[in-house]
């Protein structure tokens, strides 16, 4: 295949000697910049707009955390969709556990707010020096325990900032903004469908962008009621807890990594990249601490821990199908045109490897970056292969613009 790098846009390719176009300006039809901007803006809508970060009043940590979510979503949109499903499952679980004690008034938005670290409680020093006061996260198991044991009442929780109106007021996105984002994505999808209907080719970049859209829609479905971009948590004072009650309450904390006691690991920006533990990990977190303490291989990094309620349900096979859908949609463009045959096969292999690696990865309920047994190699290898395949595909769609079918610029 030859490449025409200049502005020879009138030359019509033949079957014997197809010609490919290089960079094409916007003259009477769409050009390369139009193609790039439409695809990149759609990916942005599918990532930056859809992510709902946890609450952190420290500006630097908040920004780094959102950037971390952006990177994860661009590279692995399947994992963000599954993460959203897990958070939705947890929120439903909180509602169920609290329904008897809240007259059914605790809604999904409240449960999301609690689960995203929206409530902190003050810890006063013994010397009553208010300058040394710090706050700690009120984890969802602790909130449920306080309700179930009569230490708090639902009709008093408005003092905790749990009124739905207050949460909505803090949230920096509303349903209209989400509908606008959905409209932009729908327009891109319709444009691509019309191109196929009129037998016009779709660029590799557009093909990859289309892969984000089903996962974007699934993520939005689970996070539709979740508050977004909240800057300040609700800070409250706990009721008096003494003796065994205080000990039981403290044991329900899932982690101290997000508290603000000033410990080095709490202030480190690396915390912004960490996944916060979920309520279903309560026993697992404690066991993991024991394993790390007793392991000669040292501390490992938790890469994944699927919600047992979701992982062991009949919905998990369907969840796995969504997990491999991104790579599968790439395969829909099996015969898409690339400048060279080698690049075409890189595209195909990247799609297949990403599907297989993700499917293998999702078969393990918990994946920890630490040696345990030979199966560890399979877990870690699947993660590495997936990341490499995704990076390979992302690089390919941009460098392929140096030689594209002339038809991708027809409208």
Protein backbone atom coordinates (compact mmCIF):
# COMPACT_ATOMS: atom_id res chain seq x y z
CA UNK A 1 0.00 0.00 0.00
CA UNK A 2 1.25 3.43 -0.86
CA UNK A 3 0.80 6.54 1.26
CA UNK A 4 0.08 9.94 -0.16
CA UNK A 5 1.35 12.36 2.48
CA UNK A 6 0.48 15.58 0.65
CA UNK A 7 -2.76 17.25 -0.32
CA UNK A 8 -3.60 15.02 -3.28
CA UNK A 9 -7.22 14.55 -2.19
CA UNK A 10 -8.69 14.16 -5.66
CA UNK A 11 -6.87 10.98 -6.53
CA UNK A 12 -9.27 8.05 -6.45
CA UNK A 13 -7.81 4.79 -5.10
CA UNK A 14 -8.11 1.67 -7.22
CA UNK A 15 -8.38 -1.95 -6.10
CA UNK A 16 -4.99 -2.73 -7.62
CA UNK A 17 -3.14 0.20 -6.04
CA UNK A 18 -5.13 1.69 -3.18
CA UNK A 19 -3.85 5.05 -2.05
CA UNK A 20 -3.85 6.20 1.58
CA UNK A 21 -4.08 9.79 2.72
CA UNK A 22 -1.85 11.43 5.30
CA UNK A 23 -2.83 14.49 7.30
CA UNK A 24 -5.90 16.07 5.70
CA UNK A 25 -7.01 19.66 6.37
CA UNK A 26 -10.64 20.73 6.77
CA UNK A 27 -11.40 21.74 3.15
CA UNK A 28 -15.02 21.16 2.02
CA UNK A 29 -15.15 18.00 4.14
CA UNK A 30 -13.99 16.81 7.49
CA UNK A 31 -10.26 16.60 8.03
CA UNK A 32 -7.89 14.93 10.44
CA UNK A 33 -8.40 17.53 13.16
CA UNK A 34 -12.18 17.09 13.02
CA UNK A 35 -11.81 13.33 13.31
CA UNK A 36 -9.43 13.60 16.27
CA UNK A 37 -11.44 16.23 18.14
CA UNK A 38 -14.76 14.42 17.78
CA UNK A 39 -13.24 11.16 19.03
CA UNK A 40 -11.18 12.65 21.85
CA UNK A 41 -14.08 14.80 23.09
CA UNK A 42 -16.31 11.72 23.16
CA UNK A 43 -13.68 9.77 25.12
CA UNK A 44 -13.46 12.74 27.49
CA UNK A 45 -17.22 12.62 28.03
CA UNK A 46 -16.91 8.88 28.67
CA UNK A 47 -14.17 9.37 31.26
CA UNK A 48 -13.72 12.74 32.97
CA UNK A 49 -17.43 13.51 33.11
CA UNK A 50 -18.52 10.03 34.17
CA UNK A 51 -16.10 9.47 37.06
CA UNK A 52 -17.38 10.17 40.57
CA UNK A 53 -14.39 10.50 42.94
CA UNK A 54 -14.47 9.96 46.68
CA UNK A 55 -14.64 12.92 49.06
CA UNK A 56 -11.31 14.48 50.09
CA UNK A 57 -11.12 18.04 51.36
CA UNK A 58 -7.42 18.33 50.45
CA UNK A 59 -7.31 19.98 47.03
CA UNK A 60 -4.04 18.38 45.92
CA UNK A 61 -5.15 14.87 46.85
CA UNK A 62 -8.55 15.46 45.28
CA UNK A 63 -7.07 16.51 41.93
CA UNK A 64 -4.51 13.69 41.86
CA UNK A 65 -7.22 11.18 42.71
CA UNK A 66 -9.42 12.38 39.86
CA UNK A 67 -6.49 12.25 37.45
CA UNK A 68 -5.80 8.71 38.64
CA UNK A 69 -9.40 7.77 37.93
CA UNK A 70 -9.12 9.38 34.50
CA UNK A 71 -6.02 7.35 33.63
CA UNK A 72 -7.62 4.13 34.89
CA UNK A 73 -10.82 4.81 32.95
CA UNK A 74 -9.01 5.55 29.68
CA UNK A 75 -6.81 2.46 29.96
CA UNK A 76 -9.33 0.06 31.50
CA UNK A 77 -12.93 1.30 31.15
CA UNK A 78 -14.18 -2.21 31.95
CA UNK A 79 -12.76 -2.04 35.47
CA UNK A 80 -14.41 1.32 36.18
CA UNK A 81 -17.76 -0.12 35.06
CA UNK A 82 -17.33 -3.11 37.38
CA UNK A 83 -16.18 -0.79 40.19
CA UNK A 84 -19.37 1.24 39.70
CA UNK A 85 -21.40 -1.98 39.90
CA UNK A 86 -19.65 -2.88 43.15
CA UNK A 87 -20.35 0.53 44.67
CA UNK A 88 -24.00 0.28 43.65
CA UNK A 89 -24.19 -3.17 45.24
CA UNK A 90 -22.63 -1.82 48.44
CA UNK A 91 -25.03 1.12 48.54
CA UNK A 92 -27.98 -1.23 48.17
CA UNK A 93 -26.57 -3.34 51.00
CA UNK A 94 -26.29 -0.29 53.28
CA UNK A 95 -29.91 0.63 52.51
CA UNK A 96 -31.07 -2.87 53.37
CA UNK A 97 -29.10 -2.99 56.64
CA UNK A 98 -30.44 0.41 57.74
CA UNK A 99 -34.03 0.17 56.49
CA UNK A 100 -35.42 -1.10 59.82
CA UNK A 101 -33.84 1.80 61.71
CA UNK A 102 -34.57 4.60 59.23
CA UNK A 103 -38.20 3.81 58.32
CA UNK A 104 -36.94 3.19 54.81
CA UNK A 105 -35.92 6.85 54.48
CA UNK A 106 -32.23 6.17 53.87
CA UNK A 107 -32.00 6.37 50.09
CA UNK A 108 -29.39 5.36 47.56
CA UNK A 109 -27.90 8.86 47.49
CA UNK A 110 -27.33 8.69 51.27
CA UNK A 111 -25.72 5.27 51.00
CA UNK A 112 -23.43 6.46 48.20
CA UNK A 113 -22.44 9.51 50.24
CA UNK A 114 -21.49 7.40 53.25
CA UNK A 115 -19.60 4.90 51.09
CA UNK A 116 -17.56 7.58 49.31
CA UNK A 117 -16.07 8.81 52.62
CA UNK A 118 -18.50 11.69 52.93
CA UNK A 119 -18.65 11.67 56.74
CA UNK A 120 -15.77 12.24 59.16
CA UNK A 121 -15.89 12.38 62.95
CA UNK A 122 -13.77 14.52 65.24
CA UNK A 123 -11.27 12.94 67.59
CA UNK A 124 -10.45 15.19 70.53
CA UNK A 125 -7.16 14.77 72.45
CA UNK A 126 -7.29 14.01 76.15
CA UNK A 127 -5.92 17.43 77.03
CA UNK A 128 -8.90 19.05 75.26
CA UNK A 129 -6.53 21.11 73.13
CA UNK A 130 -8.70 21.93 70.14
CA UNK A 131 -5.64 22.69 68.01
CA UNK A 132 -4.70 19.02 68.09
CA UNK A 133 -8.14 17.82 67.01
CA UNK A 134 -8.16 15.62 63.91
CA UNK A 135 -10.82 13.74 61.96
CA UNK A 136 -11.27 10.13 60.98
CA UNK A 137 -13.40 8.46 58.33
CA UNK A 138 -16.77 7.10 59.43
CA UNK A 139 -16.91 3.87 57.46
CA UNK A 140 -20.24 2.43 56.39
CA UNK A 141 -20.01 -0.59 58.78
CA UNK A 142 -19.49 1.87 61.63
CA UNK A 143 -22.51 3.96 60.58
CA UNK A 144 -24.70 0.84 60.40
CA UNK A 145 -23.42 -0.31 63.82
CA UNK A 146 -24.23 3.06 65.41
CA UNK A 147 -27.79 2.88 64.08
CA UNK A 148 -28.37 -0.76 65.00
CA UNK A 149 -27.08 -0.28 68.55
CA UNK A 150 -29.11 2.84 69.25
CA UNK A 151 -26.19 5.25 69.52
CA UNK A 152 -27.71 7.49 66.84
CA UNK A 153 -31.22 7.99 65.48
CA UNK A 154 -32.13 8.65 61.88
CA UNK A 155 -34.17 11.75 62.73
CA UNK A 156 -31.01 13.32 64.18
CA UNK A 157 -28.76 12.60 61.23
CA UNK A 158 -29.65 15.88 59.53
CA UNK A 159 -27.02 17.31 61.85
CA UNK A 160 -24.54 15.07 60.04
CA UNK A 161 -25.17 16.64 56.66
CA UNK A 162 -27.21 13.65 55.48
CA UNK A 163 -30.20 15.62 54.26
CA UNK A 164 -30.67 14.81 50.59
CA UNK A 165 -30.94 18.51 49.78
CA UNK A 166 -27.56 19.23 51.40
CA UNK A 167 -25.89 16.37 49.52
CA UNK A 168 -27.39 17.56 46.23
CA UNK A 169 -26.24 21.09 47.01
CA UNK A 170 -22.67 19.88 47.54
CA UNK A 171 -22.67 17.77 44.38
CA UNK A 172 -21.23 19.57 41.36
CA UNK A 173 -23.21 17.74 38.71
CA UNK A 174 -26.91 17.30 38.07
CA UNK A 175 -29.07 15.15 35.86
CA UNK A 176 -29.12 17.81 33.14
CA UNK A 177 -25.32 17.78 32.87
CA UNK A 178 -25.41 14.01 32.59
CA UNK A 179 -28.08 14.19 29.90
CA UNK A 180 -25.94 16.67 27.95
CA UNK A 181 -23.02 14.24 28.14
CA UNK A 182 -25.26 11.40 27.00
CA UNK A 183 -26.45 13.57 24.11
CA UNK A 184 -22.88 14.21 22.93
CA UNK A 185 -22.07 10.52 23.05
CA UNK A 186 -25.33 9.66 21.26
CA UNK A 187 -24.48 12.09 18.45
CA UNK A 188 -21.07 10.49 17.93
CA UNK A 189 -22.66 7.02 17.86
CA UNK A 190 -25.31 8.07 15.34
CA UNK A 191 -22.66 9.65 13.09
CA UNK A 192 -20.72 6.38 13.05
CA UNK A 193 -23.86 4.33 12.40
CA UNK A 194 -24.79 6.58 9.47
CA UNK A 195 -21.28 6.19 8.04
CA UNK A 196 -21.64 2.41 8.11
CA UNK A 197 -25.14 2.68 6.61
CA UNK A 198 -23.78 4.77 3.73
CA UNK A 199 -20.86 2.35 3.27
CA UNK A 200 -18.27 4.88 4.40
CA UNK A 201 -15.29 3.56 6.41
CA UNK A 202 -14.81 4.34 10.09
CA UNK A 203 -11.36 5.38 11.26
CA UNK A 204 -9.51 3.15 13.80
CA UNK A 205 -9.70 6.01 16.32
CA UNK A 206 -13.47 6.17 15.92
CA UNK A 207 -13.72 2.41 16.20
CA UNK A 208 -11.83 2.47 19.51
CA UNK A 209 -13.97 5.36 20.77
CA UNK A 210 -17.14 3.39 20.10
CA UNK A 211 -15.83 0.72 22.48
CA UNK A 212 -16.03 3.15 25.41
CA UNK A 213 -19.69 3.98 24.92
CA UNK A 214 -21.44 0.80 26.22
CA UNK A 215 -19.21 0.81 29.30
CA UNK A 216 -19.82 4.54 29.73
CA UNK A 217 -23.57 3.91 29.69
CA UNK A 218 -23.26 1.04 32.17
CA UNK A 219 -21.14 3.13 34.54
CA UNK A 220 -23.60 6.02 34.36
CA UNK A 221 -26.46 3.63 35.12
CA UNK A 222 -24.85 2.55 38.39
CA UNK A 223 -23.56 6.02 39.34
CA UNK A 224 -26.59 8.07 38.23
CA UNK A 225 -27.57 8.90 41.82
CA UNK A 226 -24.06 9.04 43.23
CA UNK A 227 -22.95 12.57 44.27
CA UNK A 228 -20.15 13.98 42.13
CA UNK A 229 -17.10 16.17 42.87
CA UNK A 230 -17.93 16.95 46.51
CA UNK A 231 -15.14 19.07 47.99
CA UNK A 232 -15.94 19.03 51.70
CA UNK A 233 -17.12 16.11 53.85
CA UNK A 234 -19.60 16.37 56.70
CA UNK A 235 -17.69 16.62 59.99
CA UNK A 236 -19.59 15.43 63.06
CA UNK A 237 -19.13 14.61 66.74
CA UNK A 238 -19.79 11.04 67.77
CA UNK A 239 -22.06 10.20 70.70
CA UNK A 240 -20.16 9.11 73.82
CA UNK A 241 -18.75 5.60 73.43
CA UNK A 242 -17.08 3.83 76.32
CA UNK A 243 -15.41 0.50 77.01
CA UNK A 244 -16.50 -2.41 74.84
CA UNK A 245 -18.69 -0.17 72.68
CA UNK A 246 -15.73 1.98 71.72
CA UNK A 247 -13.61 -1.10 71.05
CA UNK A 248 -16.30 -2.65 68.86
CA UNK A 249 -16.76 0.61 66.96
CA UNK A 250 -13.01 1.05 66.30
CA UNK A 251 -12.68 -2.52 65.04
CA UNK A 252 -15.18 -1.77 62.27
CA UNK A 253 -12.83 0.79 60.69
CA UNK A 254 -11.62 -0.57 57.37
CA UNK A 255 -8.46 1.55 57.19
CA UNK A 256 -6.73 4.53 58.75
CA UNK A 257 -5.00 5.50 55.50
CA UNK A 258 -7.55 8.22 54.72
CA UNK A 259 -7.63 9.82 58.18
CA UNK A 260 -5.90 13.16 58.79
CA UNK A 261 -3.73 12.41 61.82
CA UNK A 262 -0.71 13.67 59.90
CA UNK A 263 1.01 10.30 59.47
CA UNK A 264 3.37 10.17 56.45
CA UNK A 265 1.40 7.53 54.57
CA UNK A 266 -1.80 9.55 55.10
CA UNK A 267 -0.24 12.64 53.55
CA UNK A 268 1.46 10.87 50.65
CA UNK A 269 0.01 11.58 47.21
CA UNK A 270 0.28 7.88 46.45
CA UNK A 271 -2.90 7.54 48.54
CA UNK A 272 -4.77 9.25 45.74
CA UNK A 273 -4.08 6.24 43.49
CA UNK A 274 -5.20 3.67 46.05
CA UNK A 275 -8.52 1.91 45.96
CA UNK A 276 -10.30 2.47 49.24
CA UNK A 277 -11.57 -0.73 50.91
CA UNK A 278 -15.26 -1.62 50.67
CA UNK A 279 -17.49 -2.80 53.48
CA UNK A 280 -17.38 -6.39 52.24
CA UNK A 281 -13.61 -6.35 52.76
CA UNK A 282 -13.86 -5.90 56.53
CA UNK A 283 -12.76 -9.43 57.41
CA UNK A 284 -10.53 -9.63 54.35
CA UNK A 285 -8.65 -6.47 55.35
CA UNK A 286 -7.95 -7.86 58.80
CA UNK A 287 -6.86 -11.22 57.39
CA UNK A 288 -4.71 -9.48 54.81
CA UNK A 289 -2.93 -7.59 57.58
CA UNK A 290 -2.22 -10.87 59.36
CA UNK A 291 -1.01 -12.49 56.13
CA UNK A 292 1.28 -9.55 55.34
CA UNK A 293 2.68 -9.59 58.87
CA UNK A 294 3.42 -13.31 58.70
CA UNK A 295 4.52 -13.42 55.07
CA UNK A 296 8.21 -13.57 54.29
CA UNK A 297 7.45 -11.84 51.01
CA UNK A 298 6.31 -8.64 52.71
CA UNK A 299 3.43 -6.34 51.99
CA UNK A 300 1.63 -6.55 48.69
CA UNK A 301 -0.63 -4.16 46.79
CA UNK A 302 -4.26 -5.10 46.37
CA UNK A 303 -5.08 -5.01 42.67
CA UNK A 304 -8.65 -6.27 42.85
CA UNK A 305 -11.15 -7.61 45.34
CA UNK A 306 -14.55 -8.27 43.84
CA UNK A 307 -17.67 -7.96 45.96
CA UNK A 308 -18.60 -11.55 46.97
CA UNK A 309 -22.29 -10.73 46.60
CA UNK A 310 -21.67 -9.82 42.97
CA UNK A 311 -18.81 -12.27 42.26
CA UNK A 312 -20.75 -15.31 43.49
CA UNK A 313 -24.06 -14.31 41.97
CA UNK A 314 -25.64 -15.39 38.70
CA UNK A 315 -24.88 -11.91 37.35
CA UNK A 316 -21.11 -12.44 37.42
CA UNK A 317 -20.98 -14.22 34.00
CA UNK A 318 -22.85 -11.24 32.56
CA UNK A 319 -20.39 -8.92 34.34
CA UNK A 320 -17.52 -10.84 32.72
CA UNK A 321 -19.11 -10.32 29.30
CA UNK A 322 -19.14 -6.58 29.94
CA UNK A 323 -15.53 -6.96 31.09
CA UNK A 324 -14.44 -8.23 27.69
CA UNK A 325 -16.81 -6.07 25.65
CA UNK A 326 -14.22 -3.35 25.06
CA UNK A 327 -11.84 -5.70 23.26
CA UNK A 328 -14.75 -7.44 21.52
CA UNK A 329 -15.94 -4.17 19.98
CA UNK A 330 -12.42 -3.67 18.62
CA UNK A 331 -12.78 -7.02 16.85
CA UNK A 332 -15.80 -5.63 14.99
CA UNK A 333 -13.19 -3.67 13.01
CA UNK A 334 -11.20 -6.78 12.11
CA UNK A 335 -10.64 -5.67 8.51
CA UNK A 336 -10.11 -1.98 9.20
CA UNK A 337 -7.37 -0.39 7.08
CA UNK A 338 -3.96 0.40 8.60
CA UNK A 339 -0.87 1.74 6.80
CA UNK A 340 0.89 -1.63 7.06
CA UNK A 341 -0.13 -5.25 7.53
CA UNK A 342 1.97 -5.45 10.70
CA UNK A 343 -0.03 -2.63 12.30
CA UNK A 344 -3.29 -4.33 11.36
CA UNK A 345 -2.18 -7.47 13.17
CA UNK A 346 -1.03 -5.47 16.19
CA UNK A 347 -4.57 -4.09 16.36
CA UNK A 348 -6.12 -7.56 16.08
CA UNK A 349 -3.76 -9.18 18.58
CA UNK A 350 -4.19 -6.32 21.05
CA UNK A 351 -7.97 -6.78 20.96
CA UNK A 352 -7.74 -10.55 21.48
CA UNK A 353 -5.14 -10.30 24.25
CA UNK A 354 -7.12 -7.63 26.12
CA UNK A 355 -10.22 -9.85 26.06
CA UNK A 356 -8.43 -13.00 27.23
CA UNK A 357 -6.35 -11.18 29.87
CA UNK A 358 -9.38 -9.40 31.32
CA UNK A 359 -11.40 -12.62 31.39
CA UNK A 360 -8.60 -14.42 33.25
CA UNK A 361 -8.16 -11.51 35.65
CA UNK A 362 -11.86 -11.49 36.56
CA UNK A 363 -11.82 -15.17 37.54
CA UNK A 364 -9.87 -14.38 40.72
CA UNK A 365 -11.96 -12.98 43.57
CA UNK A 366 -8.89 -11.27 45.03
CA UNK A 367 -5.64 -10.32 43.29
CA UNK A 368 -2.72 -9.13 45.43
CA UNK A 369 0.62 -8.04 44.01
CA UNK A 370 2.60 -10.40 46.22
CA UNK A 371 3.95 -13.91 45.69
CA UNK A 372 1.83 -16.65 47.22
CA UNK A 373 1.90 -19.59 44.83
CA UNK A 374 2.40 -20.27 41.07
CA UNK A 375 -1.14 -19.03 40.38
CA UNK A 376 0.18 -15.58 41.31
CA UNK A 377 2.12 -15.58 38.03
CA UNK A 378 -1.11 -16.03 36.06
CA UNK A 379 -2.82 -13.19 37.95
CA UNK A 380 0.02 -10.72 37.55
CA UNK A 381 0.75 -11.73 33.94
CA UNK A 382 -2.87 -11.14 32.95
CA UNK A 383 -2.67 -7.60 34.36
CA UNK A 384 0.59 -6.87 32.52
CA UNK A 385 -0.65 -8.26 29.22
CA UNK A 386 -3.86 -6.29 29.45
CA UNK A 387 -2.06 -2.99 30.04
CA UNK A 388 0.40 -3.65 27.20
CA UNK A 389 -2.42 -4.57 24.80
CA UNK A 390 -4.37 -1.44 25.66
CA UNK A 391 -1.36 0.84 25.26
CA UNK A 392 -0.53 -0.85 21.95
CA UNK A 393 -4.05 -0.28 20.60
CA UNK A 394 -4.13 3.34 21.76
CA UNK A 395 -0.81 4.13 20.09
CA UNK A 396 -1.89 2.37 16.90
CA UNK A 397 -5.04 4.43 16.34
CA UNK A 398 -3.09 7.69 16.38
CA UNK A 399 -0.07 6.70 14.30
CA UNK A 400 -2.40 5.11 11.75
CA UNK A 401 -3.58 8.62 10.81
CA UNK A 402 -0.39 9.02 8.78
CA UNK A 403 -1.99 6.74 6.18
CA UNK A 404 -5.79 6.38 6.14
CA UNK A 405 -8.47 5.38 3.67
CA UNK A 406 -9.66 8.45 1.72
CA UNK A 407 -13.22 7.39 2.55
CA UNK A 408 -12.87 8.23 6.24
CA UNK A 409 -12.82 11.92 5.29
CA UNK A 410 -16.00 11.69 3.20
CA UNK A 411 -19.21 12.86 4.86
